[in-house]
């Protein structure tokens, strides 16, 4: 039977923060969303989903250069999660299109 890696207790905290950030971004409070995501990243810096969410917030805010930078950072942590890799490349493409 394969061994499963130990559960990461901080994951539930960062998921809660990610949900909170998404609600803030949906409400148009990009500053608050960014703050919350930065806090989550300090807790779990190798979580690609957090970097992607931060990239999306910056893209919605109109900051294409930052969006691309954070999406590229997410690529460092996708670890063969091709769905996340694809999402990161979509954000990069959208950021480049917005930056023109």
C-alpha atoms as a PDB file:
ATOM      1  CA  UNK A   1       0.000   0.000   0.000  1.00  0.00           C
ATOM      2  CA  UNK A   2       1.545   3.363  -0.966  1.00  0.00           C
ATOM      3  CA  UNK A   3       2.285   5.783   1.803  1.00  0.00           C
ATOM      4  CA  UNK A   4       0.519   9.099   1.675  1.00  0.00           C
ATOM      5  CA  UNK A   5       2.444  12.233   2.564  1.00  0.00           C
ATOM      6  CA  UNK A   6       1.463  13.662   5.931  1.00  0.00           C
ATOM      7  CA  UNK A   7      -1.376  16.149   5.835  1.00  0.00           C
ATOM      8  CA  UNK A   8      -0.296  19.748   5.670  1.00  0.00           C
ATOM      9  CA  UNK A   9      -2.172  21.499   8.475  1.00  0.00           C
ATOM     10  CA  UNK A  10      -1.499  24.922   7.028  1.00  0.00           C
ATOM     11  CA  UNK A  11      -3.385  23.951   3.868  1.00  0.00           C
ATOM     12  CA  UNK A  12      -6.771  24.440   5.539  1.00  0.00           C
ATOM     13  CA  UNK A  13      -5.677  27.876   6.754  1.00  0.00           C
ATOM     14  CA  UNK A  14      -4.440  28.926   3.331  1.00  0.00           C
ATOM     15  CA  UNK A  15      -7.573  27.554   1.653  1.00  0.00           C
ATOM     16  CA  UNK A  16      -9.717  29.649   3.995  1.00  0.00           C
ATOM     17  CA  UNK A  17      -7.587  32.694   3.216  1.00  0.00           C
ATOM     18  CA  UNK A  18      -7.829  31.968  -0.510  1.00  0.00           C
ATOM     19  CA  UNK A  19     -11.632  31.826  -0.256  1.00  0.00           C
ATOM     20  CA  UNK A  20     -11.643  35.099   1.671  1.00  0.00           C
ATOM     21  CA  UNK A  21      -9.409  36.703  -0.960  1.00  0.00           C
ATOM     22  CA  UNK A  22     -11.682  35.517  -3.764  1.00  0.00           C
ATOM     23  CA  UNK A  23     -14.678  37.091  -2.025  1.00  0.00           C
ATOM     24  CA  UNK A  24     -12.764  40.368  -1.620  1.00  0.00           C
ATOM     25  CA  UNK A  25     -11.740  40.343  -5.294  1.00  0.00           C
ATOM     26  CA  UNK A  26     -15.304  39.582  -6.390  1.00  0.00           C
ATOM     27  CA  UNK A  27     -16.441  42.576  -4.344  1.00  0.00           C
ATOM     28  CA  UNK A  28     -13.829  44.700  -6.136  1.00  0.00           C
ATOM     29  CA  UNK A  29     -11.566  45.107  -3.104  1.00  0.00           C
ATOM     30  CA  UNK A  30      -8.347  44.130  -4.864  1.00  0.00           C
ATOM     31  CA  UNK A  31      -6.148  45.675  -2.198  1.00  0.00           C
ATOM     32  CA  UNK A  32      -7.706  43.512   0.502  1.00  0.00           C
ATOM     33  CA  UNK A  33      -7.543  40.434  -1.736  1.00  0.00           C
ATOM     34  CA  UNK A  34      -3.845  41.056  -2.376  1.00  0.00           C
ATOM     35  CA  UNK A  35      -3.162  41.499   1.333  1.00  0.00           C
ATOM     36  CA  UNK A  36      -4.934  38.257   2.216  1.00  0.00           C
ATOM     37  CA  UNK A  37      -3.159  36.284  -0.511  1.00  0.00           C
ATOM     38  CA  UNK A  38       0.228  37.633   0.530  1.00  0.00           C
ATOM     39  CA  UNK A  39      -0.514  36.428   4.058  1.00  0.00           C
ATOM     40  CA  UNK A  40      -1.467  32.980   2.738  1.00  0.00           C
ATOM     41  CA  UNK A  41       1.735  32.843   0.665  1.00  0.00           C
ATOM     42  CA  UNK A  42       3.819  33.615   3.757  1.00  0.00           C
ATOM     43  CA  UNK A  43       2.218  30.559   5.385  1.00  0.00           C
ATOM     44  CA  UNK A  44       2.527  28.270   2.374  1.00  0.00           C
ATOM     45  CA  UNK A  45       4.926  29.782  -0.198  1.00  0.00           C
ATOM     46  CA  UNK A  46       5.084  26.705  -2.439  1.00  0.00           C
ATOM     47  CA  UNK A  47       1.350  26.525  -3.171  1.00  0.00           C
ATOM     48  CA  UNK A  48       0.864  27.290  -6.877  1.00  0.00           C
ATOM     49  CA  UNK A  49      -2.841  28.031  -6.435  1.00  0.00           C
ATOM     50  CA  UNK A  50      -2.057  31.002  -4.196  1.00  0.00           C
ATOM     51  CA  UNK A  51       0.392  32.502  -6.668  1.00  0.00           C
ATOM     52  CA  UNK A  52      -2.164  32.000  -9.454  1.00  0.00           C
ATOM     53  CA  UNK A  53      -4.888  33.693  -7.450  1.00  0.00           C
ATOM     54  CA  UNK A  54      -2.555  36.611  -6.712  1.00  0.00           C
ATOM     55  CA  UNK A  55      -1.774  36.837 -10.429  1.00  0.00           C
ATOM     56  CA  UNK A  56      -5.485  36.907 -11.281  1.00  0.00           C
ATOM     57  CA  UNK A  57      -6.145  39.666  -8.744  1.00  0.00           C
ATOM     58  CA  UNK A  58      -3.376  41.787 -10.260  1.00  0.00           C
ATOM     59  CA  UNK A  59      -4.765  41.113 -13.736  1.00  0.00           C
ATOM     60  CA  UNK A  60      -8.260  42.224 -12.657  1.00  0.00           C
ATOM     61  CA  UNK A  61      -6.673  45.290 -11.106  1.00  0.00           C
ATOM     62  CA  UNK A  62      -5.053  46.153 -14.430  1.00  0.00           C
ATOM     63  CA  UNK A  63      -1.493  45.390 -13.366  1.00  0.00           C
ATOM     64  CA  UNK A  64      -0.464  43.097 -16.220  1.00  0.00           C
ATOM     65  CA  UNK A  65       3.268  43.045 -15.435  1.00  0.00           C
ATOM     66  CA  UNK A  66       2.692  41.895 -11.845  1.00  0.00           C
ATOM     67  CA  UNK A  67       0.113  39.367 -13.024  1.00  0.00           C
ATOM     68  CA  UNK A  68       2.611  37.790 -15.400  1.00  0.00           C
ATOM     69  CA  UNK A  69       5.340  37.790 -12.745  1.00  0.00           C
ATOM     70  CA  UNK A  70       3.138  35.967 -10.220  1.00  0.00           C
ATOM     71  CA  UNK A  71       1.833  33.487 -12.814  1.00  0.00           C
ATOM     72  CA  UNK A  72       5.433  32.645 -13.679  1.00  0.00           C
ATOM     73  CA  UNK A  73       6.131  32.160  -9.977  1.00  0.00           C
ATOM     74  CA  UNK A  74       3.180  29.727  -9.839  1.00  0.00           C
ATOM     75  CA  UNK A  75       4.827  27.672 -12.597  1.00  0.00           C
ATOM     76  CA  UNK A  76       7.704  26.927 -10.210  1.00  0.00           C
ATOM     77  CA  UNK A  77       5.310  25.076  -7.897  1.00  0.00           C
ATOM     78  CA  UNK A  78       2.916  23.238 -10.236  1.00  0.00           C
ATOM     79  CA  UNK A  79       4.811  19.925  -9.750  1.00  0.00           C
ATOM     80  CA  UNK A  80       3.305  18.118 -12.719  1.00  0.00           C
ATOM     81  CA  UNK A  81      -0.148  19.520 -11.996  1.00  0.00           C
ATOM     82  CA  UNK A  82      -0.823  20.239 -15.626  1.00  0.00           C
ATOM     83  CA  UNK A  83      -4.150  21.874 -14.847  1.00  0.00           C
ATOM     84  CA  UNK A  84      -2.348  24.512 -12.768  1.00  0.00           C
ATOM     85  CA  UNK A  85       0.378  24.863 -15.362  1.00  0.00           C
ATOM     86  CA  UNK A  86      -2.247  25.491 -18.032  1.00  0.00           C
ATOM     87  CA  UNK A  87      -3.993  28.071 -15.826  1.00  0.00           C
ATOM     88  CA  UNK A  88      -0.700  29.874 -15.280  1.00  0.00           C
ATOM     89  CA  UNK A  89      -0.022  30.058 -19.019  1.00  0.00           C
ATOM     90  CA  UNK A  90      -3.537  31.409 -19.617  1.00  0.00           C
ATOM     91  CA  UNK A  91      -2.910  34.174 -17.058  1.00  0.00           C
ATOM     92  CA  UNK A  92       0.448  34.936 -18.700  1.00  0.00           C
ATOM     93  CA  UNK A  93      -1.201  35.168 -22.135  1.00  0.00           C
ATOM     94  CA  UNK A  94      -3.988  37.360 -20.759  1.00  0.00           C
ATOM     95  CA  UNK A  95      -1.444  39.591 -18.999  1.00  0.00           C
ATOM     96  CA  UNK A  96       0.563  40.006 -22.189  1.00  0.00           C
ATOM     97  CA  UNK A  97      -2.576  40.837 -24.148  1.00  0.00           C
ATOM     98  CA  UNK A  98      -3.619  43.373 -21.504  1.00  0.00           C
ATOM     99  CA  UNK A  99      -0.140  44.897 -21.419  1.00  0.00           C
ATOM    100  CA  UNK A 100      -0.169  45.812 -25.088  1.00  0.00           C
END
